[in-house]
């Protein structure tokens, strides 16, 4: 998960690179919760 902090501007490019992977993780997490 991406935590927005005072240095989030410096991490913006890295966040953009990780955005798709994080989205996939969120989808998997939701699917796990739905299966409980």
N, C-alpha and C. Protein backbone atom coordinates (compact mmCIF):
# COMPACT_ATOMS: atom_id res chain seq x y z
N UNK A 1 0.84 -1.19 0.00
CA UNK A 1 0.00 0.00 0.00
C UNK A 1 0.88 1.24 0.00
N UNK A 2 0.41 2.26 -0.67
CA UNK A 2 1.18 3.50 -0.76
C UNK A 2 0.77 4.44 0.36
N UNK A 3 1.74 4.84 1.17
CA UNK A 3 1.45 5.78 2.25
C UNK A 3 1.93 7.17 1.83
N UNK A 4 1.00 8.13 1.75
CA UNK A 4 1.35 9.49 1.36
C UNK A 4 1.99 10.19 2.54
N UNK A 5 3.19 10.73 2.32
CA UNK A 5 3.90 11.43 3.38
C UNK A 5 4.47 12.73 2.84
N UNK A 6 5.24 13.42 3.65
CA UNK A 6 5.83 14.69 3.23
C UNK A 6 6.78 14.51 2.06
N UNK A 7 7.30 13.30 1.90
CA UNK A 7 8.26 13.04 0.83
C UNK A 7 7.61 12.33 -0.35
N UNK A 8 6.27 12.39 -0.43
CA UNK A 8 5.56 11.64 -1.47
C UNK A 8 5.90 12.17 -2.86
N UNK A 9 6.25 13.44 -2.96
CA UNK A 9 6.60 13.99 -4.27
C UNK A 9 7.86 13.33 -4.81
N UNK A 10 8.81 13.06 -3.93
CA UNK A 10 10.06 12.42 -4.35
C UNK A 10 9.81 10.98 -4.78
N UNK A 11 8.78 10.38 -4.18
CA UNK A 11 8.48 8.98 -4.46
C UNK A 11 7.46 8.82 -5.58
N UNK A 12 7.02 9.95 -6.16
CA UNK A 12 5.93 9.90 -7.13
C UNK A 12 6.25 8.99 -8.30
N UNK A 13 7.47 9.10 -8.84
CA UNK A 13 7.83 8.26 -9.98
C UNK A 13 7.82 6.78 -9.60
N UNK A 14 8.30 6.46 -8.42
CA UNK A 14 8.32 5.07 -7.97
C UNK A 14 6.89 4.58 -7.75
N UNK A 15 6.05 5.46 -7.24
CA UNK A 15 4.64 5.09 -7.04
C UNK A 15 4.00 4.77 -8.37
N UNK A 16 4.29 5.56 -9.39
CA UNK A 16 3.71 5.32 -10.71
C UNK A 16 4.17 3.97 -11.26
N UNK A 17 5.42 3.61 -11.00
CA UNK A 17 5.93 2.33 -11.47
C UNK A 17 5.26 1.17 -10.73
N UNK A 18 4.95 1.38 -9.45
CA UNK A 18 4.40 0.31 -8.63
C UNK A 18 2.87 0.27 -8.67
N UNK A 19 2.26 1.26 -9.33
CA UNK A 19 0.81 1.40 -9.26
C UNK A 19 0.10 0.14 -9.76
N UNK A 20 0.52 -0.39 -10.91
CA UNK A 20 -0.14 -1.57 -11.47
C UNK A 20 0.01 -2.78 -10.55
N UNK A 21 1.21 -2.95 -10.00
CA UNK A 21 1.44 -4.10 -9.11
C UNK A 21 0.59 -3.97 -7.86
N UNK A 22 0.52 -2.76 -7.30
CA UNK A 22 -0.29 -2.54 -6.11
C UNK A 22 -1.76 -2.81 -6.40
N UNK A 23 -2.21 -2.41 -7.60
CA UNK A 23 -3.60 -2.62 -7.97
C UNK A 23 -3.92 -4.11 -8.02
N UNK A 24 -2.99 -4.90 -8.56
CA UNK A 24 -3.19 -6.35 -8.61
C UNK A 24 -3.25 -6.93 -7.21
N UNK A 25 -2.41 -6.43 -6.31
CA UNK A 25 -2.41 -6.91 -4.92
C UNK A 25 -3.73 -6.60 -4.24
N UNK A 26 -4.27 -5.40 -4.52
CA UNK A 26 -5.55 -5.01 -3.93
C UNK A 26 -6.65 -5.93 -4.43
N UNK A 27 -6.65 -6.23 -5.73
CA UNK A 27 -7.66 -7.12 -6.29
C UNK A 27 -7.59 -8.50 -5.63
N UNK A 28 -6.39 -9.01 -5.46
CA UNK A 28 -6.21 -10.33 -4.82
C UNK A 28 -6.70 -10.28 -3.38
N UNK A 29 -6.38 -9.18 -2.68
CA UNK A 29 -6.80 -9.03 -1.30
C UNK A 29 -8.32 -9.01 -1.18
N UNK A 30 -8.96 -8.30 -2.09
CA UNK A 30 -10.43 -8.24 -2.09
C UNK A 30 -11.02 -9.63 -2.36
N UNK A 31 -10.41 -10.35 -3.28
CA UNK A 31 -10.89 -11.70 -3.60
C UNK A 31 -10.75 -12.63 -2.40
N UNK A 32 -9.66 -12.48 -1.65
CA UNK A 32 -9.46 -13.30 -0.45
C UNK A 32 -10.53 -12.98 0.58
N UNK A 33 -10.80 -11.69 0.79
CA UNK A 33 -11.83 -11.30 1.76
C UNK A 33 -13.19 -11.82 1.33
N UNK A 34 -13.46 -11.76 0.03
CA UNK A 34 -14.76 -12.19 -0.48
C UNK A 34 -14.95 -13.70 -0.31
N UNK A 35 -13.84 -14.44 -0.28
CA UNK A 35 -13.94 -15.89 -0.18
C UNK A 35 -14.08 -16.37 1.26
N UNK A 36 -13.93 -15.47 2.22
CA UNK A 36 -14.02 -15.86 3.62
C UNK A 36 -15.47 -16.05 4.04
